[in-house]
Structure formats: C-alpha cells, structure tokens
Amino acid sequence: MAVSVPGDVSIVSFDDSILTRLPHPPITALRRDTYALGMFTATKPLHVMAERPEPRAVQAPTPELVVRGSTAPPGA
C-alpha cells in the first residue's frame, strides 16, 4: 500500500506480546499485567452480584505504554 510506518502512520497494539517485538519496525504496545486484569474483571461483577453495593466508578489498572519503532510524533 506504499504506507511508511512510522513515517505516514503510527501503529500501537492493545496488548504487548512477543509478536509486537518481531516485525520491523517493532510495534509500540500497551503492557499490562493480564493476570491481574483478568482477576479484576472476574471479581468485580461477582462482588456486585453478591454484595449489591452502591454504584461507583471503578478504575482498572493503568497499562504502561512501551514505545518502540512503530510510532513517531505527528508530522508538521
């Protein structure tokens, strides 16, 4: 398609894995503790169903951005 990465477009993956490190350029990705995220998303609904707490905002753990070669600042 004659599109340059990261010259024309930047690419970011939702999940960091070994596959994001293999291509050229390596892909920028969000790194998170998948086990902790799975436990969080499994236990919160169970808690709500069992305890019926007052509604409140819930914050999932914030992922870390791992910058690699697939992203660049916006062009001028």
Protein backbone atom coordinates (compact mmCIF):
# COMPACT_ATOMS: atom_id res chain seq x y z
CA MET A 1 0.00 0.00 0.00
CA ALA A 2 3.10 2.23 -0.03
CA VAL A 3 2.47 3.42 3.52
CA SER A 4 5.51 4.04 5.68
CA VAL A 5 5.48 3.04 9.37
CA PRO A 6 6.04 5.25 11.30
CA GLY A 7 6.57 7.91 8.60
CA ASP A 8 2.97 8.01 7.32
CA VAL A 9 1.12 6.21 10.09
CA SER A 10 1.86 5.10 13.65
CA ILE A 11 0.76 1.69 14.93
CA VAL A 12 0.03 0.79 18.57
CA SER A 13 -1.03 -2.63 19.81
CA PHE A 14 -3.62 -3.08 22.59
CA ASP A 15 -1.53 -5.83 24.18
CA ASP A 16 2.22 -6.30 24.45
CA SER A 17 3.43 -9.75 23.45
CA ILE A 18 6.46 -11.32 21.81
CA LEU A 19 4.70 -10.78 18.47
CA THR A 20 4.97 -7.00 18.85
CA ARG A 21 8.78 -7.30 19.02
CA LEU A 22 9.24 -9.46 15.90
CA PRO A 23 8.27 -7.20 12.96
CA HIS A 24 10.36 -4.39 11.56
CA PRO A 25 9.83 -1.87 12.98
CA PRO A 26 8.84 -3.38 16.35
CA ILE A 27 5.32 -2.33 17.38
CA THR A 28 4.59 0.10 20.20
CA ALA A 29 2.23 -1.57 22.68
CA LEU A 30 0.32 -1.30 25.93
CA ARG A 31 1.83 -3.52 28.61
CA ARG A 32 -0.41 -4.70 31.42
CA ASP A 33 -0.50 -7.47 33.97
CA THR A 34 -3.01 -9.72 32.18
CA TYR A 35 -3.45 -12.00 35.19
CA ALA A 36 -4.29 -9.03 37.45
CA LEU A 37 -6.64 -7.58 34.81
CA GLY A 38 -8.41 -10.94 34.47
CA MET A 39 -8.81 -11.24 38.23
CA PHE A 40 -10.11 -7.67 38.39
CA THR A 41 -12.67 -8.16 35.63
CA ALA A 42 -13.82 -11.50 37.08
CA THR A 43 -14.12 -10.49 40.73
CA LYS A 44 -15.78 -7.07 40.37
CA PRO A 45 -19.04 -8.39 38.81
CA LEU A 46 -19.14 -11.24 41.33
CA HIS A 47 -18.76 -8.75 44.17
CA VAL A 48 -21.55 -6.56 42.76
CA MET A 49 -23.90 -9.55 42.39
CA ALA A 50 -23.19 -10.82 45.91
CA GLU A 51 -22.99 -7.58 47.90
CA ARG A 52 -25.18 -5.16 45.91
CA PRO A 53 -23.00 -2.13 46.82
CA GLU A 54 -23.90 1.42 45.89
CA PRO A 55 -22.88 2.19 42.28
CA ARG A 56 -19.44 3.79 41.99
CA ALA A 57 -16.77 4.36 39.40
CA VAL A 58 -14.15 1.61 39.20
CA GLN A 59 -10.68 2.10 37.75
CA ALA A 60 -8.87 -0.82 36.15
CA PRO A 61 -5.09 -0.84 36.46
CA THR A 62 -3.49 1.60 34.03
CA PRO A 63 -1.35 -0.05 31.34
CA GLU A 64 2.18 1.11 30.55
CA LEU A 65 2.95 2.40 27.07
CA VAL A 66 6.03 0.65 25.66
CA VAL A 67 7.29 2.86 22.85
CA ARG A 68 9.02 1.05 20.01
CA GLY A 69 9.74 1.82 16.38
CA SER A 70 6.17 1.86 15.03
CA THR A 71 5.28 5.31 16.39
CA ALA A 72 6.52 8.81 15.67
CA PRO A 73 5.42 12.36 16.54
CA PRO A 74 2.80 13.86 14.19
CA GLY A 75 4.18 15.46 11.06
CA ALA A 76 4.11 19.20 10.61
